Amino acid sequence: MSLISTDKIVLGIDPGTNVMGYGLIHIKGTKMELVVMGVLRLEKIGDHALKLQRIFDRVVALIDEYKPDELAIEAPFFGKNVQSMLKLGRAQGVAIAGALSRNLSVCEYSPKKIKMSVTGNGNASKEQVAAMLKTLLNFKETPEFLDATDGLAAAVCHHFQRQPAGGKKAYTGWKAFLAENPNKKA
């Protein structure tokens, strides 16, 4: 019997102060399954502090409902608008605080790292990320808000980064992976 559990649930979050995306995946052995994905819409809330409270409450509610083992969250990217970055950092902070309040381990990934992990291209568009996730997790409909697939992508990236090193084949990108795994093509 293995001491390393390969049955776990990962919550991924794409933090935002207008729309927060989230996705949960269930890892069963070598299989990865979609549990749920969605968004928390905050654009109608005028008070920034109330937005942060809603983010915290939703993260805690997701954890209480789905019982994930780990949280993967997208790190804020560096932009030119300092106020936007500050608000995004606060949103990320309260999401992390929600996870920590339920004793979840937290890993942070840059947007480029997430895109690279999911698509093989660190500059992939949101649409390209969503399309690859549809293939990897076998779902049909693209959500209205791609923030949902961005949150899901954080969870998938985390899973790919956490693969045990021993005995696993390393690939240089999706082309190499698909060349050796033709049955994975859609």
N, C-alpha and C. Protein backbone atom coordinates (compact mmCIF):
# COMPACT_ATOMS: atom_id res chain seq x y z
N MET A 1 0.84 -1.19 0.00
CA MET A 1 0.00 0.00 0.00
C MET A 1 0.88 1.25 0.00
N SER A 2 0.55 2.21 -0.83
CA SER A 2 1.33 3.43 -0.96
C SER A 2 1.03 4.37 0.20
N LEU A 3 2.06 5.07 0.66
CA LEU A 3 1.88 6.05 1.72
C LEU A 3 1.41 7.39 1.17
N ILE A 4 1.58 7.60 -0.13
CA ILE A 4 1.17 8.86 -0.75
C ILE A 4 -0.25 8.70 -1.28
N SER A 5 -1.15 9.55 -0.81
CA SER A 5 -2.53 9.50 -1.25
C SER A 5 -2.65 10.12 -2.63
N THR A 6 -3.25 9.38 -3.56
CA THR A 6 -3.47 9.94 -4.89
C THR A 6 -4.95 10.24 -5.09
N ASP A 7 -5.70 10.25 -4.00
CA ASP A 7 -7.11 10.62 -4.07
C ASP A 7 -7.26 11.93 -3.31
N LYS A 8 -7.41 13.01 -4.07
CA LYS A 8 -7.52 14.31 -3.42
C LYS A 8 -8.35 15.25 -4.29
N ILE A 9 -8.80 16.31 -3.66
CA ILE A 9 -9.57 17.35 -4.34
C ILE A 9 -8.77 18.65 -4.24
N VAL A 10 -8.66 19.34 -5.38
CA VAL A 10 -7.92 20.61 -5.43
C VAL A 10 -8.89 21.71 -5.84
N LEU A 11 -8.89 22.79 -5.07
CA LEU A 11 -9.66 23.99 -5.39
C LEU A 11 -8.72 24.99 -6.04
N GLY A 12 -9.09 25.47 -7.21
CA GLY A 12 -8.33 26.50 -7.90
C GLY A 12 -9.11 27.80 -7.93
N ILE A 13 -8.43 28.90 -7.72
CA ILE A 13 -9.10 30.21 -7.70
C ILE A 13 -8.35 31.21 -8.57
N ASP A 14 -9.13 31.93 -9.38
CA ASP A 14 -8.65 33.09 -10.13
C ASP A 14 -9.25 34.29 -9.42
N PRO A 15 -8.48 34.97 -8.54
CA PRO A 15 -9.07 36.05 -7.75
C PRO A 15 -9.42 37.26 -8.61
N GLY A 16 -10.46 37.94 -8.19
CA GLY A 16 -10.87 39.16 -8.88
C GLY A 16 -11.83 39.92 -7.99
N THR A 17 -11.89 41.23 -8.18
CA THR A 17 -12.81 42.03 -7.37
C THR A 17 -14.13 42.29 -8.09
N ASN A 18 -14.21 41.95 -9.37
CA ASN A 18 -15.48 42.02 -10.09
C ASN A 18 -16.03 40.62 -10.35
N VAL A 19 -15.13 39.71 -10.75
CA VAL A 19 -15.51 38.31 -10.97
C VAL A 19 -14.38 37.43 -10.44
N MET A 20 -14.72 36.54 -9.52
CA MET A 20 -13.75 35.57 -9.03
C MET A 20 -14.10 34.22 -9.63
N GLY A 21 -13.15 33.59 -10.31
CA GLY A 21 -13.39 32.28 -10.89
C GLY A 21 -12.87 31.18 -9.98
N TYR A 22 -13.57 30.04 -10.01
CA TYR A 22 -13.11 28.90 -9.21
C TYR A 22 -13.40 27.60 -9.94
N GLY A 23 -12.62 26.60 -9.62
CA GLY A 23 -12.83 25.27 -10.17
C GLY A 23 -12.27 24.24 -9.23
N LEU A 24 -12.93 23.11 -9.14
CA LEU A 24 -12.46 22.01 -8.31
C LEU A 24 -12.28 20.78 -9.17
N ILE A 25 -11.15 20.09 -8.93
CA ILE A 25 -10.89 18.83 -9.61
C ILE A 25 -10.68 17.75 -8.56
N HIS A 26 -11.05 16.53 -8.93
CA HIS A 26 -10.84 15.37 -8.07
C HIS A 26 -9.80 14.49 -8.74
N ILE A 27 -8.72 14.22 -8.03
CA ILE A 27 -7.66 13.37 -8.54
C ILE A 27 -7.88 11.99 -7.95
N LYS A 28 -8.08 11.01 -8.83
CA LYS A 28 -8.26 9.62 -8.41
C LYS A 28 -7.19 8.80 -9.11
N GLY A 29 -6.13 8.47 -8.38
CA GLY A 29 -5.02 7.76 -9.00
C GLY A 29 -4.38 8.64 -10.04
N THR A 30 -4.41 8.21 -11.30
CA THR A 30 -3.85 9.02 -12.38
C THR A 30 -4.92 9.80 -13.14
N LYS A 31 -6.17 9.64 -12.75
CA LYS A 31 -7.28 10.32 -13.43
C LYS A 31 -7.63 11.63 -12.74
N MET A 32 -7.97 12.61 -13.57
CA MET A 32 -8.35 13.93 -13.09
C MET A 32 -9.78 14.20 -13.58
N GLU A 33 -10.69 14.51 -12.65
CA GLU A 33 -12.09 14.74 -13.01
C GLU A 33 -12.54 16.12 -12.55
N LEU A 34 -13.38 16.74 -13.36
CA LEU A 34 -14.00 18.01 -13.00
C LEU A 34 -15.06 17.75 -11.93
N VAL A 35 -15.00 18.52 -10.85
CA VAL A 35 -16.04 18.45 -9.83
C VAL A 35 -17.05 19.56 -10.12
N VAL A 36 -16.58 20.80 -10.14
CA VAL A 36 -17.44 21.95 -10.40
C VAL A 36 -16.56 23.15 -10.76
N MET A 37 -17.13 24.06 -11.51
CA MET A 37 -16.47 25.35 -11.75
C MET A 37 -17.55 26.41 -11.80
N GLY A 38 -17.15 27.64 -11.52
CA GLY A 38 -18.12 28.72 -11.53
C GLY A 38 -17.46 30.05 -11.23
N VAL A 39 -18.30 31.04 -11.03
CA VAL A 39 -17.80 32.38 -10.71
C VAL A 39 -18.61 32.98 -9.58
N LEU A 40 -17.97 33.88 -8.89
CA LEU A 40 -18.64 34.74 -7.92
C LEU A 40 -18.63 36.12 -8.53
N ARG A 41 -19.82 36.64 -8.82
CA ARG A 41 -19.93 37.96 -9.45
C ARG A 41 -20.06 39.03 -8.37
N LEU A 42 -19.22 40.03 -8.48
CA LEU A 42 -19.14 41.07 -7.45
C LEU A 42 -19.31 42.47 -8.00
N GLU A 43 -19.51 42.60 -9.31
CA GLU A 43 -19.50 43.92 -9.95
C GLU A 43 -20.60 44.85 -9.46
N LYS A 44 -21.67 44.32 -8.88
CA LYS A 44 -22.77 45.18 -8.42
C LYS A 44 -22.58 45.66 -6.98
N ILE A 45 -21.53 45.16 -6.33
CA ILE A 45 -21.25 45.58 -4.96
C ILE A 45 -20.30 46.78 -5.03
N GLY A 46 -20.74 47.91 -4.51
CA GLY A 46 -19.96 49.14 -4.61
C GLY A 46 -18.84 49.25 -3.58
N ASP A 47 -19.02 48.70 -2.42
CA ASP A 47 -18.05 48.82 -1.33
C ASP A 47 -16.99 47.72 -1.43
N HIS A 48 -15.73 48.14 -1.57
CA HIS A 48 -14.63 47.18 -1.75
C HIS A 48 -14.52 46.22 -0.56
N ALA A 49 -14.72 46.71 0.64
CA ALA A 49 -14.62 45.85 1.83
C ALA A 49 -15.70 44.76 1.80
N LEU A 50 -16.88 45.11 1.32
CA LEU A 50 -17.95 44.10 1.22
C LEU A 50 -17.63 43.06 0.15
N LYS A 51 -16.97 43.48 -0.93
CA LYS A 51 -16.53 42.52 -1.94
C LYS A 51 -15.57 41.51 -1.32
N LEU A 52 -14.63 42.02 -0.52
CA LEU A 52 -13.66 41.14 0.13
C LEU A 52 -14.35 40.16 1.08
N GLN A 53 -15.33 40.64 1.79
CA GLN A 53 -16.08 39.76 2.70
C GLN A 53 -16.79 38.66 1.92
N ARG A 54 -17.40 39.01 0.79
CA ARG A 54 -18.08 38.02 -0.05
C ARG A 54 -17.10 36.98 -0.59
N ILE A 55 -15.90 37.42 -0.99
CA ILE A 55 -14.88 36.49 -1.48
C ILE A 55 -14.51 35.50 -0.37
N PHE A 56 -14.22 36.03 0.81
CA PHE A 56 -13.86 35.18 1.95
C PHE A 56 -14.98 34.17 2.22
N ASP A 57 -16.21 34.66 2.30
CA ASP A 57 -17.36 33.79 2.60
C ASP A 57 -17.54 32.71 1.54
N ARG A 58 -17.37 33.05 0.27
CA ARG A 58 -17.56 32.08 -0.80
C ARG A 58 -16.47 31.02 -0.79
N VAL A 59 -15.23 31.43 -0.55
CA VAL A 59 -14.13 30.47 -0.48
C VAL A 59 -14.39 29.49 0.67
N VAL A 60 -14.77 30.00 1.83
CA VAL A 60 -15.05 29.13 2.98
C VAL A 60 -16.23 28.20 2.67
N ALA A 61 -17.26 28.72 2.01
CA ALA A 61 -18.42 27.88 1.65
C ALA A 61 -18.02 26.78 0.67
N LEU A 62 -17.17 27.09 -0.32
CA LEU A 62 -16.70 26.07 -1.26
C LEU A 62 -15.91 24.98 -0.52
N ILE A 63 -15.07 25.41 0.40
CA ILE A 63 -14.27 24.45 1.17
C ILE A 63 -15.18 23.57 2.03
N ASP A 64 -16.14 24.18 2.69
CA ASP A 64 -17.06 23.42 3.55
C ASP A 64 -17.91 22.44 2.75
N GLU A 65 -18.29 22.84 1.52
CA GLU A 65 -19.15 21.97 0.70
C GLU A 65 -18.38 20.83 0.03
N TYR A 66 -17.22 21.14 -0.56
CA TYR A 66 -16.51 20.16 -1.38
C TYR A 66 -15.31 19.50 -0.69
N LYS A 67 -14.91 20.02 0.45
CA LYS A 67 -13.82 19.43 1.25
C LYS A 67 -12.52 19.23 0.46
N PRO A 68 -12.03 20.28 -0.22
CA PRO A 68 -10.76 20.11 -0.95
C PRO A 68 -9.61 19.90 0.02
N ASP A 69 -8.55 19.30 -0.51
CA ASP A 69 -7.35 19.04 0.27
C ASP A 69 -6.33 20.17 0.15
N GLU A 70 -6.39 20.89 -0.99
CA GLU A 70 -5.40 21.94 -1.26
C GLU A 70 -6.03 23.06 -2.07
N LEU A 71 -5.45 24.25 -1.95
CA LEU A 71 -5.87 25.41 -2.73
C LEU A 71 -4.73 25.84 -3.64
N ALA A 72 -5.05 26.05 -4.91
CA ALA A 72 -4.12 26.64 -5.88
C ALA A 72 -4.71 27.97 -6.30
N ILE A 73 -3.92 29.02 -6.26
CA ILE A 73 -4.45 30.35 -6.56
C ILE A 73 -3.51 31.08 -7.52
N GLU A 74 -4.13 31.83 -8.42
CA GLU A 74 -3.34 32.62 -9.37
C GLU A 74 -2.80 33.85 -8.67
N ALA A 75 -1.52 34.11 -8.86
CA ALA A 75 -0.87 35.30 -8.29
C ALA A 75 -1.26 36.52 -9.11
N PRO A 76 -1.36 37.67 -8.46
CA PRO A 76 -1.64 38.89 -9.23
C PRO A 76 -0.48 39.17 -10.18
N PHE A 77 -0.81 39.63 -11.38
CA PHE A 77 0.22 39.98 -12.34
C PHE A 77 0.57 41.45 -12.15
N PHE A 78 1.77 41.81 -12.57
CA PHE A 78 2.21 43.19 -12.41
C PHE A 78 1.71 44.02 -13.58
N GLY A 79 0.88 44.99 -13.28
CA GLY A 79 0.33 45.86 -14.30
C GLY A 79 0.72 47.30 -14.04
N LYS A 80 0.23 48.17 -14.87
CA LYS A 80 0.57 49.58 -14.74
C LYS A 80 -0.35 50.30 -13.75
N ASN A 81 -1.56 49.78 -13.54
CA ASN A 81 -2.50 50.44 -12.64
C ASN A 81 -2.29 49.92 -11.22
N VAL A 82 -1.66 50.72 -10.40
CA VAL A 82 -1.32 50.32 -9.03
C VAL A 82 -2.58 50.06 -8.21
N GLN A 83 -3.61 50.87 -8.38
CA GLN A 83 -4.85 50.68 -7.62
C GLN A 83 -5.50 49.33 -7.95
N SER A 84 -5.50 48.97 -9.22
CA SER A 84 -6.08 47.67 -9.61
C SER A 84 -5.28 46.52 -9.01
N MET A 85 -3.96 46.65 -9.04
CA MET A 85 -3.11 45.60 -8.46
C MET A 85 -3.34 45.47 -6.96
N LEU A 86 -3.50 46.60 -6.30
CA LEU A 86 -3.74 46.59 -4.86
C LEU A 86 -5.06 45.87 -4.54
N LYS A 87 -6.11 46.19 -5.29
CA LYS A 87 -7.41 45.55 -5.07
C LYS A 87 -7.34 44.05 -5.36
N LEU A 88 -6.65 43.68 -6.43
CA LEU A 88 -6.51 42.27 -6.78
C LEU A 88 -5.72 41.51 -5.71
N GLY A 89 -4.66 42.16 -5.19
CA GLY A 89 -3.87 41.55 -4.11
C GLY A 89 -4.70 41.33 -2.86
N ARG A 90 -5.58 42.27 -2.57
CA ARG A 90 -6.47 42.11 -1.40
C ARG A 90 -7.43 40.94 -1.64
N ALA A 91 -7.96 40.84 -2.85
CA ALA A 91 -8.88 39.74 -3.18
C ALA A 91 -8.17 38.41 -3.02
N GLN A 92 -6.94 38.33 -3.50
CA GLN A 92 -6.16 37.10 -3.35
C GLN A 92 -5.91 36.82 -1.88
N GLY A 93 -5.59 37.85 -1.13
CA GLY A 93 -5.30 37.69 0.30
C GLY A 93 -6.48 37.14 1.09
N VAL A 94 -7.67 37.65 0.83
CA VAL A 94 -8.82 37.14 1.59
C VAL A 94 -9.19 35.73 1.15
N ALA A 95 -8.96 35.40 -0.13
CA ALA A 95 -9.21 34.02 -0.58
C ALA A 95 -8.24 33.07 0.13
N ILE A 96 -6.98 33.48 0.23
CA ILE A 96 -5.99 32.67 0.95
C ILE A 96 -6.37 32.57 2.42
N ALA A 97 -6.80 33.67 3.02
CA ALA A 97 -7.20 33.66 4.42
C ALA A 97 -8.36 32.68 4.65
N GLY A 98 -9.29 32.64 3.69
CA GLY A 98 -10.41 31.69 3.79
C GLY A 98 -9.91 30.26 3.80
N ALA A 99 -8.95 29.96 2.93
CA ALA A 99 -8.38 28.61 2.88
C ALA A 99 -7.63 28.30 4.16
N LEU A 100 -6.84 29.24 4.63
CA LEU A 100 -6.07 29.01 5.86
C LEU A 100 -6.98 28.85 7.07
N SER A 101 -8.13 29.53 7.05
CA SER A 101 -9.07 29.40 8.17
C SER A 101 -9.65 27.99 8.26
N ARG A 102 -9.53 27.23 7.16
CA ARG A 102 -9.99 25.84 7.13
C ARG A 102 -8.81 24.86 7.03
N ASN A 103 -7.60 25.37 7.35
CA ASN A 103 -6.38 24.55 7.41
C ASN A 103 -6.00 23.90 6.08
N LEU A 104 -6.26 24.58 4.99
CA LEU A 104 -5.86 24.09 3.67
C LEU A 104 -4.46 24.59 3.35
N SER A 105 -3.66 23.75 2.70
CA SER A 105 -2.37 24.24 2.20
C SER A 105 -2.65 25.07 0.96
N VAL A 106 -1.82 26.08 0.74
CA VAL A 106 -2.03 27.03 -0.35
C VAL A 106 -0.78 27.09 -1.21
N CYS A 107 -0.96 27.02 -2.53
CA CYS A 107 0.13 27.22 -3.48
C CYS A 107 -0.30 28.30 -4.46
N GLU A 108 0.65 29.17 -4.79
CA GLU A 108 0.40 30.29 -5.68
C GLU A 108 1.18 30.07 -6.97
N TYR A 109 0.52 30.36 -8.09
CA TYR A 109 1.15 30.20 -9.40
C TYR A 109 0.95 31.46 -10.22
N SER A 110 1.97 31.84 -10.98
CA SER A 110 1.86 33.01 -11.85
C SER A 110 0.93 32.67 -13.02
N PRO A 111 0.30 33.68 -13.61
CA PRO A 111 -0.56 33.43 -14.77
C PRO A 111 0.19 32.70 -15.89
N LYS A 112 1.45 33.07 -16.14
CA LYS A 112 2.24 32.41 -17.19
C LYS A 112 2.47 30.94 -16.87
N LYS A 113 2.76 30.63 -15.60
CA LYS A 113 3.00 29.26 -15.18
C LYS A 113 1.74 28.42 -15.39
N ILE A 114 0.60 28.97 -15.05
CA ILE A 114 -0.67 28.25 -15.21
C ILE A 114 -0.93 27.98 -16.69
N LYS A 115 -0.80 29.01 -17.52
CA LYS A 115 -1.04 28.84 -18.96
C LYS A 115 -0.07 27.83 -19.56
N MET A 116 1.20 27.92 -19.17
CA MET A 116 2.22 27.00 -19.68
C MET A 116 1.89 25.57 -19.27
N SER A 117 1.48 25.39 -18.04
CA SER A 117 1.18 24.06 -17.52
C SER A 117 -0.01 23.43 -18.25
N VAL A 118 -1.01 24.23 -18.55
CA VAL A 118 -2.24 23.71 -19.15
C VAL A 118 -2.14 23.59 -20.67
N THR A 119 -1.52 24.59 -21.32
CA THR A 119 -1.53 24.61 -22.79
C THR A 119 -0.16 24.37 -23.42
N GLY A 120 0.90 24.51 -22.64
CA GLY A 120 2.25 24.43 -23.22
C GLY A 120 2.73 25.77 -23.73
N ASN A 121 1.93 26.82 -23.55
CA ASN A 121 2.27 28.17 -24.02
C ASN A 121 1.94 29.16 -22.91
N GLY A 122 2.97 29.79 -22.36
CA GLY A 122 2.78 30.75 -21.28
C GLY A 122 2.04 32.02 -21.69
N ASN A 123 1.89 32.23 -22.99
CA ASN A 123 1.17 33.41 -23.49
C ASN A 123 -0.18 33.04 -24.10
N ALA A 124 -0.70 31.87 -23.77
CA ALA A 124 -1.98 31.42 -24.33
C ALA A 124 -3.11 32.35 -23.92
N SER A 125 -4.11 32.43 -24.77
CA SER A 125 -5.29 33.24 -24.47
C SER A 125 -6.20 32.48 -23.50
N LYS A 126 -7.14 33.21 -22.90
CA LYS A 126 -8.14 32.58 -22.03
C LYS A 126 -8.93 31.52 -22.80
N GLU A 127 -9.19 31.78 -24.06
CA GLU A 127 -9.94 30.85 -24.89
C GLU A 127 -9.14 29.57 -25.14
N GLN A 128 -7.84 29.70 -25.35
CA GLN A 128 -6.99 28.52 -25.55
C GLN A 128 -6.92 27.68 -24.28
N VAL A 129 -6.83 28.34 -23.12
CA VAL A 129 -6.82 27.63 -21.84
C VAL A 129 -8.13 26.87 -21.67
N ALA A 130 -9.25 27.54 -21.94
CA ALA A 130 -10.57 26.90 -21.80
C ALA A 130 -10.69 25.70 -22.73
N ALA A 131 -10.21 25.84 -23.97
CA ALA A 131 -10.31 24.74 -24.94
C ALA A 131 -9.49 23.53 -24.48
N MET A 132 -8.29 23.77 -23.96
CA MET A 132 -7.47 22.64 -23.49
C MET A 132 -8.11 21.98 -22.27
N LEU A 133 -8.69 22.77 -21.38
CA LEU A 133 -9.35 22.20 -20.19
C LEU A 133 -10.55 21.35 -20.60
N LYS A 134 -11.27 21.78 -21.63
CA LYS A 134 -12.40 20.99 -22.12
C LYS A 134 -11.92 19.61 -22.58
N THR A 135 -10.75 19.57 -23.21
CA THR A 135 -10.18 18.30 -23.67
C THR A 135 -9.68 17.47 -22.48
N LEU A 136 -8.93 18.11 -21.59
CA LEU A 136 -8.35 17.38 -20.45
C LEU A 136 -9.41 16.83 -19.50
N LEU A 137 -10.46 17.60 -19.27
CA LEU A 137 -11.47 17.23 -18.27
C LEU A 137 -12.79 16.78 -18.88
N ASN A 138 -12.82 16.71 -20.20
CA ASN A 138 -13.97 16.16 -20.91
C ASN A 138 -15.30 16.82 -20.55
N PHE A 139 -15.35 18.15 -20.71
CA PHE A 139 -16.63 18.84 -20.58
C PHE A 139 -16.91 19.58 -21.87
N LYS A 140 -18.16 19.84 -22.13
CA LYS A 140 -18.55 20.35 -23.45
C LYS A 140 -18.70 21.87 -23.52
N GLU A 141 -19.42 22.43 -22.55
CA GLU A 141 -19.80 23.83 -22.65
C GLU A 141 -18.76 24.78 -22.07
N THR A 142 -18.41 25.80 -22.82
CA THR A 142 -17.53 26.84 -22.31
C THR A 142 -18.38 27.76 -21.43
N PRO A 143 -17.92 28.05 -20.21
CA PRO A 143 -18.72 28.91 -19.34
C PRO A 143 -18.81 30.34 -19.88
N GLU A 144 -19.84 31.05 -19.44
CA GLU A 144 -20.05 32.44 -19.87
C GLU A 144 -18.84 33.30 -19.50
N PHE A 145 -18.30 33.10 -18.30
CA PHE A 145 -17.15 33.86 -17.83
C PHE A 145 -15.93 32.94 -17.83
N LEU A 146 -14.90 33.32 -18.57
CA LEU A 146 -13.69 32.49 -18.64
C LEU A 146 -12.89 32.56 -17.34
N ASP A 147 -13.33 33.39 -16.40
CA ASP A 147 -12.70 33.39 -15.08
C ASP A 147 -12.90 32.03 -14.42
N ALA A 148 -14.00 31.35 -14.74
CA ALA A 148 -14.26 30.01 -14.19
C ALA A 148 -13.20 29.03 -14.68
N THR A 149 -12.90 29.04 -15.99
CA THR A 149 -11.87 28.14 -16.50
C THR A 149 -10.48 28.57 -16.03
N ASP A 150 -10.28 29.86 -15.77
CA ASP A 150 -9.00 30.31 -15.22
C ASP A 150 -8.80 29.75 -13.81
N GLY A 151 -9.85 29.74 -13.00
CA GLY A 151 -9.76 29.14 -11.66
C GLY A 151 -9.49 27.65 -11.76
N LEU A 152 -10.19 27.00 -12.68
CA LEU A 152 -10.00 25.57 -12.92
C LEU A 152 -8.57 25.29 -13.38
N ALA A 153 -8.04 26.17 -14.21
CA ALA A 153 -6.67 26.01 -14.72
C ALA A 153 -5.65 26.05 -13.58
N ALA A 154 -5.90 26.87 -12.57
CA ALA A 154 -4.99 26.93 -11.42
C ALA A 154 -4.94 25.58 -10.71
N ALA A 155 -6.11 24.93 -10.58
CA ALA A 155 -6.17 23.61 -9.93
C ALA A 155 -5.44 22.56 -10.77
N VAL A 156 -5.65 22.59 -12.09
CA VAL A 156 -4.99 21.64 -12.99
C VAL A 156 -3.48 21.85 -12.98
N CYS A 157 -3.04 23.10 -13.02
CA CYS A 157 -1.61 23.43 -12.94
C CYS A 157 -1.03 22.85 -11.66
N HIS A 158 -1.71 23.03 -10.57
CA HIS A 158 -1.23 22.53 -9.28
C HIS A 158 -1.06 21.01 -9.33
N HIS A 159 -2.04 20.34 -9.90
CA HIS A 159 -1.95 18.88 -10.02
C HIS A 159 -0.74 18.48 -10.87
N PHE A 160 -0.55 19.15 -11.99
CA PHE A 160 0.58 18.82 -12.86
C PHE A 160 1.91 19.09 -12.16
N GLN A 161 1.98 20.14 -11.35
CA GLN A 161 3.22 20.48 -10.65
C GLN A 161 3.52 19.50 -9.53
N ARG A 162 2.49 18.86 -9.01
CA ARG A 162 2.63 17.96 -7.85
C ARG A 162 2.82 16.50 -8.23
N GLN A 163 2.94 16.21 -9.52
CA GLN A 163 3.14 14.82 -9.94
C GLN A 163 4.40 14.28 -9.29
N PRO A 164 4.36 13.06 -8.75
CA PRO A 164 5.57 12.48 -8.17
C PRO A 164 6.67 12.34 -9.22
N ALA A 165 7.89 12.67 -8.85
CA ALA A 165 9.00 12.66 -9.80
C ALA A 165 9.38 11.24 -10.20
N GLY A 166 9.40 10.32 -9.26
CA GLY A 166 9.84 8.96 -9.55
C GLY A 166 8.90 8.20 -10.47
N GLY A 167 9.44 7.68 -11.55
CA GLY A 167 8.65 6.82 -12.43
C GLY A 167 7.74 7.52 -13.40
N LYS A 168 7.66 8.83 -13.36
CA LYS A 168 6.79 9.56 -14.28
C LYS A 168 7.61 10.12 -15.43
N LYS A 169 7.04 10.04 -16.61
CA LYS A 169 7.70 10.54 -17.82
C LYS A 169 7.58 12.07 -17.85
N ALA A 170 8.64 12.74 -18.19
CA ALA A 170 8.62 14.19 -18.35
C ALA A 170 8.50 14.51 -19.83
N TYR A 171 7.70 15.52 -20.15
CA TYR A 171 7.50 15.94 -21.53
C TYR A 171 7.94 17.38 -21.68
N THR A 172 8.40 17.73 -22.87
CA THR A 172 8.86 19.09 -23.12
C THR A 172 7.72 20.02 -23.51
N GLY A 173 6.56 19.49 -23.77
CA GLY A 173 5.40 20.29 -24.14
C GLY A 173 4.27 19.39 -24.59
N TRP A 174 3.17 20.00 -24.98
CA TRP A 174 1.98 19.23 -25.39
C TRP A 174 2.25 18.40 -26.64
N LYS A 175 3.06 18.93 -27.55
CA LYS A 175 3.35 18.20 -28.79
C LYS A 175 4.03 16.87 -28.46
N ALA A 176 5.01 16.91 -27.56
CA ALA A 176 5.72 15.68 -27.15
C ALA A 176 4.78 14.73 -26.42
N PHE A 177 3.94 15.28 -25.54
CA PHE A 177 2.99 14.46 -24.80
C PHE A 177 2.03 13.76 -25.75
N LEU A 178 1.46 14.51 -26.69
CA LEU A 178 0.49 13.93 -27.63
C LEU A 178 1.14 12.93 -28.58
N ALA A 179 2.41 13.15 -28.92
CA ALA A 179 3.11 12.21 -29.79
C ALA A 179 3.23 10.84 -29.13
N GLU A 180 3.42 10.82 -27.82
CA GLU A 180 3.54 9.55 -27.11
C GLU A 180 2.22 9.05 -26.54
N ASN A 181 1.17 9.90 -26.59
CA ASN A 181 -0.15 9.52 -26.08
C ASN A 181 -1.23 9.89 -27.08
N PRO A 182 -1.23 9.26 -28.25
CA PRO A 182 -2.19 9.65 -29.30
C PRO A 182 -3.66 9.45 -28.88
N ASN A 183 -3.90 8.57 -27.93
CA ASN A 183 -5.27 8.34 -27.46
C ASN A 183 -5.82 9.51 -26.66
N LYS A 184 -5.01 10.49 -26.30
CA LYS A 184 -5.45 11.64 -25.54
C LYS A 184 -5.97 12.77 -26.42
N LYS A 185 -5.80 12.63 -27.74
CA LYS A 185 -6.29 13.67 -28.66
C LYS A 185 -7.80 13.67 -28.71
N ALA A 186 -8.38 14.84 -28.84
CA ALA A 186 -9.84 14.95 -28.92
C ALA A 186 -10.35 14.59 -30.29
